[in-house]
Each structure stands twice: as structure tokens, then as C-alpha cells.
N, C-alpha and C. Protein backbone atom coordinates (compact mmCIF):
# COMPACT_ATOMS: atom_id res chain seq x y z
N MET A 1 -14.51 -1.80 -50.76
CA MET A 1 -13.98 -2.47 -49.58
C MET A 1 -14.75 -1.92 -48.37
N ASN A 2 -15.10 -2.82 -47.46
CA ASN A 2 -15.80 -2.38 -46.26
C ASN A 2 -14.84 -2.37 -45.06
N VAL A 3 -15.34 -1.90 -43.94
CA VAL A 3 -14.52 -1.73 -42.74
C VAL A 3 -13.95 -3.05 -42.26
N GLU A 4 -14.75 -4.11 -42.27
CA GLU A 4 -14.30 -5.39 -41.75
C GLU A 4 -13.13 -5.96 -42.56
N ARG A 5 -13.22 -5.86 -43.87
CA ARG A 5 -12.12 -6.35 -44.72
C ARG A 5 -10.88 -5.50 -44.56
N ALA A 6 -11.06 -4.20 -44.50
CA ALA A 6 -9.91 -3.30 -44.34
C ALA A 6 -9.23 -3.54 -42.99
N LEU A 7 -10.02 -3.79 -41.94
CA LEU A 7 -9.46 -4.05 -40.62
C LEU A 7 -8.61 -5.32 -40.65
N ARG A 8 -9.11 -6.38 -41.26
CA ARG A 8 -8.33 -7.63 -41.36
C ARG A 8 -7.06 -7.42 -42.17
N LEU A 9 -7.16 -6.66 -43.25
CA LEU A 9 -5.99 -6.37 -44.09
C LEU A 9 -4.92 -5.61 -43.31
N ILE A 10 -5.32 -4.57 -42.61
CA ILE A 10 -4.37 -3.74 -41.86
C ILE A 10 -3.78 -4.52 -40.70
N ALA A 11 -4.61 -5.24 -39.95
CA ALA A 11 -4.10 -6.01 -38.81
C ALA A 11 -3.13 -7.09 -39.28
N GLY A 12 -3.47 -7.78 -40.35
CA GLY A 12 -2.56 -8.80 -40.88
C GLY A 12 -1.25 -8.21 -41.34
N PHE A 13 -1.31 -7.06 -42.01
CA PHE A 13 -0.08 -6.40 -42.45
C PHE A 13 0.77 -5.99 -41.25
N PHE A 14 0.15 -5.39 -40.23
CA PHE A 14 0.91 -4.97 -39.04
C PHE A 14 1.56 -6.15 -38.35
N VAL A 15 0.85 -7.26 -38.22
CA VAL A 15 1.42 -8.43 -37.56
C VAL A 15 2.60 -8.97 -38.37
N MET A 16 2.44 -9.09 -39.69
CA MET A 16 3.54 -9.60 -40.51
C MET A 16 4.72 -8.64 -40.51
N ALA A 17 4.46 -7.35 -40.62
CA ALA A 17 5.55 -6.36 -40.67
C ALA A 17 6.30 -6.31 -39.35
N THR A 18 5.58 -6.31 -38.23
CA THR A 18 6.27 -6.24 -36.94
C THR A 18 6.98 -7.54 -36.60
N ALA A 19 6.45 -8.67 -37.07
CA ALA A 19 7.17 -9.94 -36.86
C ALA A 19 8.48 -9.94 -37.63
N ALA A 20 8.45 -9.42 -38.86
CA ALA A 20 9.69 -9.32 -39.65
C ALA A 20 10.66 -8.34 -39.01
N LEU A 21 10.15 -7.21 -38.53
CA LEU A 21 11.02 -6.24 -37.87
C LEU A 21 11.61 -6.82 -36.59
N ALA A 22 10.83 -7.62 -35.87
CA ALA A 22 11.36 -8.25 -34.65
C ALA A 22 12.45 -9.26 -35.00
N ALA A 23 12.29 -9.95 -36.11
CA ALA A 23 13.28 -10.96 -36.50
C ALA A 23 14.58 -10.33 -36.99
N PHE A 24 14.47 -9.20 -37.68
CA PHE A 24 15.66 -8.63 -38.31
C PHE A 24 16.18 -7.34 -37.68
N HIS A 25 15.39 -6.72 -36.80
CA HIS A 25 15.82 -5.44 -36.25
C HIS A 25 15.91 -5.48 -34.73
N SER A 26 14.76 -5.56 -34.06
CA SER A 26 14.73 -5.53 -32.60
C SER A 26 13.50 -6.29 -32.10
N LEU A 27 13.70 -7.05 -31.04
CA LEU A 27 12.57 -7.80 -30.47
C LEU A 27 11.53 -6.87 -29.85
N ASN A 28 11.86 -5.62 -29.63
CA ASN A 28 10.90 -4.67 -29.07
C ASN A 28 9.69 -4.45 -29.98
N TRP A 29 9.81 -4.78 -31.27
CA TRP A 29 8.68 -4.66 -32.17
C TRP A 29 7.55 -5.61 -31.78
N LEU A 30 7.84 -6.64 -31.01
CA LEU A 30 6.79 -7.57 -30.58
C LEU A 30 5.79 -6.91 -29.65
N TYR A 31 6.17 -5.81 -29.01
CA TYR A 31 5.20 -5.06 -28.19
C TYR A 31 4.08 -4.49 -29.07
N PHE A 32 4.44 -4.00 -30.24
CA PHE A 32 3.43 -3.49 -31.17
C PHE A 32 2.55 -4.63 -31.67
N THR A 33 3.15 -5.79 -31.95
CA THR A 33 2.38 -6.96 -32.36
C THR A 33 1.38 -7.34 -31.27
N ALA A 34 1.81 -7.32 -30.02
CA ALA A 34 0.91 -7.63 -28.91
C ALA A 34 -0.20 -6.59 -28.80
N PHE A 35 0.11 -5.32 -29.04
CA PHE A 35 -0.89 -4.26 -29.01
C PHE A 35 -1.98 -4.51 -30.05
N VAL A 36 -1.59 -4.89 -31.25
CA VAL A 36 -2.56 -5.19 -32.31
C VAL A 36 -3.42 -6.38 -31.90
N GLY A 37 -2.79 -7.43 -31.38
CA GLY A 37 -3.53 -8.61 -30.95
C GLY A 37 -4.50 -8.32 -29.82
N LEU A 38 -4.07 -7.53 -28.85
CA LEU A 38 -4.95 -7.18 -27.73
C LEU A 38 -6.14 -6.34 -28.19
N ASN A 39 -5.91 -5.44 -29.13
CA ASN A 39 -7.02 -4.65 -29.66
C ASN A 39 -8.02 -5.53 -30.40
N LEU A 40 -7.54 -6.49 -31.17
CA LEU A 40 -8.45 -7.41 -31.85
C LEU A 40 -9.22 -8.25 -30.84
N PHE A 41 -8.53 -8.70 -29.79
CA PHE A 41 -9.16 -9.52 -28.76
C PHE A 41 -10.26 -8.74 -28.04
N GLN A 42 -9.96 -7.52 -27.59
CA GLN A 42 -10.96 -6.76 -26.85
C GLN A 42 -12.11 -6.33 -27.75
N SER A 43 -11.85 -6.10 -29.05
CA SER A 43 -12.93 -5.69 -29.94
C SER A 43 -13.94 -6.81 -30.17
N ALA A 44 -13.52 -8.05 -29.99
CA ALA A 44 -14.46 -9.17 -30.11
C ALA A 44 -15.52 -9.12 -29.02
N PHE A 45 -15.17 -8.56 -27.87
CA PHE A 45 -16.11 -8.50 -26.75
C PHE A 45 -16.85 -7.17 -26.67
N THR A 46 -16.19 -6.08 -27.04
CA THR A 46 -16.77 -4.76 -26.87
C THR A 46 -17.32 -4.16 -28.15
N ASP A 47 -17.00 -4.75 -29.30
CA ASP A 47 -17.39 -4.24 -30.62
C ASP A 47 -16.88 -2.81 -30.82
N TRP A 48 -15.75 -2.48 -30.21
CA TRP A 48 -15.11 -1.18 -30.40
C TRP A 48 -13.64 -1.39 -30.69
N CYS A 49 -13.17 -0.75 -31.74
CA CYS A 49 -11.77 -0.85 -32.12
C CYS A 49 -11.35 0.52 -32.67
N PRO A 50 -10.22 1.05 -32.23
CA PRO A 50 -9.79 2.36 -32.73
C PRO A 50 -9.64 2.39 -34.25
N MET A 51 -9.16 1.32 -34.84
CA MET A 51 -8.98 1.29 -36.30
C MET A 51 -10.32 1.34 -37.02
N VAL A 52 -11.35 0.70 -36.49
CA VAL A 52 -12.68 0.75 -37.10
C VAL A 52 -13.17 2.20 -37.10
N TRP A 53 -12.98 2.89 -36.00
CA TRP A 53 -13.38 4.29 -35.91
C TRP A 53 -12.67 5.12 -36.98
N MET A 54 -11.35 4.90 -37.14
CA MET A 54 -10.59 5.66 -38.14
C MET A 54 -11.04 5.32 -39.56
N LEU A 55 -11.31 4.05 -39.82
CA LEU A 55 -11.75 3.65 -41.16
C LEU A 55 -13.13 4.23 -41.49
N GLN A 56 -14.01 4.30 -40.50
CA GLN A 56 -15.32 4.90 -40.73
C GLN A 56 -15.19 6.40 -40.98
N LYS A 57 -14.29 7.06 -40.27
CA LYS A 57 -14.04 8.49 -40.50
C LYS A 57 -13.46 8.71 -41.90
N ALA A 58 -12.74 7.71 -42.42
CA ALA A 58 -12.16 7.80 -43.77
C ALA A 58 -13.21 7.53 -44.85
N GLY A 59 -14.42 7.12 -44.46
CA GLY A 59 -15.50 6.95 -45.42
C GLY A 59 -15.87 5.53 -45.75
N LEU A 60 -15.22 4.54 -45.16
CA LEU A 60 -15.58 3.15 -45.43
C LEU A 60 -16.86 2.81 -44.68
N LYS A 61 -17.66 1.95 -45.28
CA LYS A 61 -18.94 1.54 -44.68
C LYS A 61 -18.79 0.19 -44.00
N ARG A 62 -19.61 -0.02 -42.97
CA ARG A 62 -19.63 -1.31 -42.29
C ARG A 62 -20.31 -2.32 -43.18
N CYS A 63 -19.98 -3.58 -42.99
CA CYS A 63 -20.56 -4.67 -43.76
C CYS A 63 -22.07 -4.72 -43.51
N GLY A 64 -22.84 -4.75 -44.57
CA GLY A 64 -24.29 -4.84 -44.43
C GLY A 64 -24.98 -3.51 -44.23
N SER A 65 -24.24 -2.41 -44.20
CA SER A 65 -24.90 -1.11 -44.04
C SER A 65 -25.54 -0.71 -45.36
N THR A 66 -26.69 -0.08 -45.25
CA THR A 66 -27.39 0.35 -46.45
C THR A 66 -27.27 1.86 -46.58
N PRO A 67 -27.12 2.34 -47.79
CA PRO A 67 -27.02 3.79 -47.96
C PRO A 67 -28.34 4.48 -47.59
N GLN A 68 -28.25 5.62 -46.95
CA GLN A 68 -29.42 6.39 -46.56
C GLN A 68 -29.88 7.24 -47.75
N PRO A 69 -31.20 7.35 -47.95
CA PRO A 69 -31.67 8.24 -49.01
C PRO A 69 -31.33 9.69 -48.67
N GLU A 70 -31.19 10.51 -49.70
CA GLU A 70 -30.86 11.91 -49.46
C GLU A 70 -31.98 12.58 -48.68
N GLY A 71 -31.59 13.41 -47.72
CA GLY A 71 -32.55 14.12 -46.89
C GLY A 71 -33.00 13.34 -45.67
N ALA A 72 -32.62 12.07 -45.55
CA ALA A 72 -32.99 11.27 -44.37
C ALA A 72 -32.04 11.58 -43.24
N ALA A 73 -32.58 11.64 -42.05
CA ALA A 73 -31.74 11.94 -40.88
C ALA A 73 -31.43 10.70 -40.10
């Protein structure tokens, strides 16, 4: 799995989970839904997203990245 697929998976899960929580628990969960949407919106323009940074730190590779040979800097 690459970063782009994982990002879509996590964002979709957060939107569905917070929509369900807003429907059955508290409408305040929609603030988190808006936060996810705003991050996706701004990342389209800036190519920076906190979740992408976390996924890369976790070891996932970006789509189309090629592995570096050992010893290459």
C-alpha cells in the first residue's frame, strides 16, 4: 500500500465514522469532519498534508517512488 491509497482510506474512514457519530451521538463531531475536509482541500493546493507526513514516517512510500540502491545518498 502506498501513501496515496492509505490517505484516501483513512480520510474516508474518518468522514464515515464522524458522520455516524454526529448522527447518533453529538453534532459536534462534524467539526472533525470539516477538519478532515479542509486538510484534503488545502493539500490539493500545497501538496502538504499532516497525514502524509505521518504515513511516510511509518514507512509507506509515495506512489511512483523508486527504491534507492544501498549506499546511495
